[in-house]
């Protein structure tokens, strides 16, 4: 990756993080947070942590965004459904442009299976040589996830569990409120 792509990726990551915090509209905030997760996945892939990048893309940019949007759409009052909220046109124009920019930036990532990529030349040999003696676990993936990166895996699991519980509570509250009307 050239230096301009690196700087633009970090800049987009910072801008989307600030946008997700500062934006007042909930749907817009969810969409910006989804793009932040996708930028973070690209950053993890750039740093050579492909497993974390894949998890961030699937869970952070994909599943979490869908669950947040589902929770928002299920809690919107019936009289507001079918109406496009005011002030949403920048999101509908900006997000496709953002997607095109993401595809442009992703071109600089190492090709899948490239033996000369940083993750294959620096990380993989070290894990392959040291995982069995250090952890006594014959499966390298298991030793990496459960021994070398166990705290990270535990926190990811806690975040997913908390998001699921929060979504269930929101949906339950929404159903309860609609029955009392």
Protein backbone atom coordinates (compact mmCIF):
# COMPACT_ATOMS: atom_id res chain seq x y z
CA UNK A 1 0.00 0.00 0.00
CA UNK A 2 1.36 3.41 -0.83
CA UNK A 3 1.62 6.11 1.79
CA UNK A 4 -1.33 8.14 0.44
CA UNK A 5 -3.65 5.15 0.66
CA UNK A 6 -2.45 4.54 4.23
CA UNK A 7 -3.07 8.14 5.26
CA UNK A 8 -6.45 8.27 3.56
CA UNK A 9 -7.53 5.05 5.30
CA UNK A 10 -6.51 6.38 8.72
CA UNK A 11 -8.14 9.75 7.98
CA UNK A 12 -11.39 8.07 6.92
CA UNK A 13 -11.27 5.95 10.07
CA UNK A 14 -10.93 9.04 12.26
CA UNK A 15 -13.65 10.95 10.38
CA UNK A 16 -16.17 8.12 10.56
CA UNK A 17 -15.45 7.58 14.27
CA UNK A 18 -16.07 11.26 14.95
CA UNK A 19 -19.14 11.23 12.72
CA UNK A 20 -20.65 8.21 14.49
CA UNK A 21 -20.28 10.03 17.80
CA UNK A 22 -21.41 13.51 16.70
CA UNK A 23 -24.28 12.76 14.30
CA UNK A 24 -27.72 13.34 15.81
CA UNK A 25 -29.84 11.14 13.51
CA UNK A 26 -29.86 7.51 14.67
CA UNK A 27 -30.10 5.90 11.24
CA UNK A 28 -27.28 8.07 9.94
CA UNK A 29 -25.20 7.24 13.01
CA UNK A 30 -25.72 3.50 12.44
CA UNK A 31 -24.67 3.80 8.79
CA UNK A 32 -21.60 5.85 9.68
CA UNK A 33 -20.73 3.34 12.42
CA UNK A 34 -21.00 0.54 9.86
CA UNK A 35 -18.58 2.36 7.58
CA UNK A 36 -16.26 2.91 10.52
CA UNK A 37 -16.25 -0.85 11.13
CA UNK A 38 -15.48 -1.48 7.47
CA UNK A 39 -12.58 1.00 7.55
CA UNK A 40 -11.33 -0.69 10.69
CA UNK A 41 -11.51 -4.06 8.91
CA UNK A 42 -9.40 -2.63 6.10
CA UNK A 43 -6.92 -1.30 8.64
CA UNK A 44 -6.66 -4.71 10.34
CA UNK A 45 -6.10 -6.35 6.95
CA UNK A 46 -3.45 -3.76 6.14
CA UNK A 47 -1.70 -4.55 9.43
CA UNK A 48 -1.76 -8.27 8.61
CA UNK A 49 -4.41 -9.37 11.13
CA UNK A 50 -6.64 -10.99 8.52
CA UNK A 51 -8.70 -12.98 11.06
CA UNK A 52 -9.53 -9.82 12.99
CA UNK A 53 -10.27 -7.99 9.73
CA UNK A 54 -12.68 -10.72 8.65
CA UNK A 55 -14.40 -10.74 12.04
CA UNK A 56 -14.69 -6.94 12.06
CA UNK A 57 -16.12 -6.90 8.53
CA UNK A 58 -18.67 -9.62 9.22
CA UNK A 59 -19.68 -8.70 12.77
CA UNK A 60 -18.97 -4.96 12.95
CA UNK A 61 -19.81 -3.73 9.46
CA UNK A 62 -22.35 -6.41 8.60
CA UNK A 63 -24.22 -8.03 11.45
CA UNK A 64 -24.10 -5.16 13.95
CA UNK A 65 -25.29 -2.67 11.32
CA UNK A 66 -28.18 -4.92 10.33
CA UNK A 67 -29.15 -5.52 13.98
CA UNK A 68 -29.01 -1.80 14.82
CA UNK A 69 -31.11 -0.91 11.76
CA UNK A 70 -33.58 -3.68 12.57
CA UNK A 71 -33.91 -2.43 16.13
CA UNK A 72 -34.43 1.15 14.91
CA UNK A 73 -37.02 0.18 12.30
CA UNK A 74 -38.93 -1.96 14.77
CA UNK A 75 -39.05 0.82 17.35
CA UNK A 76 -40.18 3.60 14.96
CA UNK A 77 -43.86 4.53 15.51
CA UNK A 78 -46.23 3.19 12.84
CA UNK A 79 -47.25 6.64 11.60
CA UNK A 80 -43.61 7.42 10.69
CA UNK A 81 -42.96 4.22 8.71
CA UNK A 82 -42.77 4.70 4.97
CA UNK A 83 -41.54 8.27 5.29
CA UNK A 84 -38.00 9.21 4.50
CA UNK A 85 -36.65 11.14 7.49
CA UNK A 86 -35.71 14.74 6.74
CA UNK A 87 -32.05 15.46 6.24
CA UNK A 88 -31.20 11.93 5.08
CA UNK A 89 -30.25 12.80 1.50
CA UNK A 90 -26.55 13.33 2.38
CA UNK A 91 -26.38 9.75 3.64
CA UNK A 92 -28.04 8.40 0.49
CA UNK A 93 -25.63 10.35 -1.71
CA UNK A 94 -22.51 10.04 0.45
CA UNK A 95 -22.62 6.33 1.25
CA UNK A 96 -22.41 5.11 -2.38
CA UNK A 97 -19.50 7.50 -2.91
CA UNK A 98 -17.94 6.14 0.26
CA UNK A 99 -18.39 2.59 -1.07
CA UNK A 100 -16.62 3.48 -4.31
CA UNK A 101 -13.77 5.03 -2.31
CA UNK A 102 -13.54 1.86 -0.19
CA UNK A 103 -13.27 -0.30 -3.29
CA UNK A 104 -10.51 1.98 -4.59
CA UNK A 105 -8.57 1.72 -1.31
CA UNK A 106 -9.06 -2.07 -1.11
CA UNK A 107 -7.15 -2.46 -4.39
CA UNK A 108 -3.90 -1.81 -2.52
CA UNK A 109 -4.39 -4.69 -0.07
CA UNK A 110 -2.20 -7.77 -0.63
CA UNK A 111 -3.70 -10.36 -2.95
CA UNK A 112 -5.28 -13.38 -1.28
CA UNK A 113 -2.70 -16.12 -0.75
CA UNK A 114 0.27 -13.91 -1.68
CA UNK A 115 3.30 -15.65 -0.15
CA UNK A 116 5.20 -12.36 0.06
CA UNK A 117 2.52 -10.44 1.99
CA UNK A 118 3.56 -9.16 5.44
CA UNK A 119 1.30 -11.60 7.28
CA UNK A 120 2.84 -14.56 5.44
CA UNK A 121 6.45 -13.44 5.83
CA UNK A 122 6.40 -12.16 9.41
CA UNK A 123 3.48 -13.54 11.42
CA UNK A 124 2.64 -16.95 10.01
CA UNK A 125 6.11 -18.52 10.32
CA UNK A 126 6.40 -17.34 13.93
CA UNK A 127 3.00 -18.75 14.88
CA UNK A 128 3.67 -22.02 13.07
CA UNK A 129 7.03 -22.54 14.73
CA UNK A 130 6.14 -21.45 18.28
CA UNK A 131 2.48 -22.34 18.80
CA UNK A 132 2.93 -26.04 19.64
CA UNK A 133 5.89 -25.62 22.02
CA UNK A 134 4.39 -22.55 23.70
CA UNK A 135 0.78 -23.70 24.07
CA UNK A 136 0.86 -27.51 23.71
CA UNK A 137 -2.13 -27.14 21.35
CA UNK A 138 -1.74 -29.01 18.04
CA UNK A 139 -4.17 -26.77 16.11
CA UNK A 140 -2.47 -23.48 15.24
CA UNK A 141 -5.73 -21.53 14.79
CA UNK A 142 -6.96 -22.64 18.20
CA UNK A 143 -3.67 -21.75 19.84
CA UNK A 144 -3.67 -18.28 18.28
CA UNK A 145 -7.30 -17.52 19.19
CA UNK A 146 -7.40 -19.10 22.63
CA UNK A 147 -3.83 -18.68 23.91
CA UNK A 148 -2.07 -15.83 22.15
CA UNK A 149 -5.18 -13.68 21.64
CA UNK A 150 -7.56 -15.01 24.28
CA UNK A 151 -8.32 -11.62 25.84
CA UNK A 152 -9.22 -10.19 22.43
CA UNK A 153 -11.49 -13.18 21.72
CA UNK A 154 -13.13 -12.84 25.14
CA UNK A 155 -13.82 -9.14 24.62
CA UNK A 156 -15.22 -9.78 21.11
CA UNK A 157 -17.56 -12.40 22.56
CA UNK A 158 -18.65 -10.02 25.34
CA UNK A 159 -19.37 -7.24 22.81
CA UNK A 160 -21.47 -9.55 20.62
CA UNK A 161 -23.36 -10.87 23.65
CA UNK A 162 -24.01 -7.36 24.95
CA UNK A 163 -25.24 -6.17 21.54
CA UNK A 164 -27.59 -9.15 21.34
CA UNK A 165 -29.00 -8.52 24.82
CA UNK A 166 -29.42 -4.79 24.11
CA UNK A 167 -31.22 -5.53 20.85
CA UNK A 168 -33.51 -8.03 22.59
CA UNK A 169 -34.30 -5.46 25.29
CA UNK A 170 -35.08 -2.79 22.68
CA UNK A 171 -37.35 -5.11 20.75
CA UNK A 172 -39.10 -6.25 23.91
CA UNK A 173 -39.65 -2.64 25.01
CA UNK A 174 -40.98 -1.77 21.55
CA UNK A 175 -43.47 -4.65 21.57
CA UNK A 176 -44.53 -3.80 25.14
CA UNK A 177 -45.09 -0.16 24.19
CA UNK A 178 -47.15 -1.06 21.12
CA UNK A 179 -49.45 -3.33 23.21
CA UNK A 180 -50.13 -0.60 25.79
CA UNK A 181 -51.33 1.95 23.19
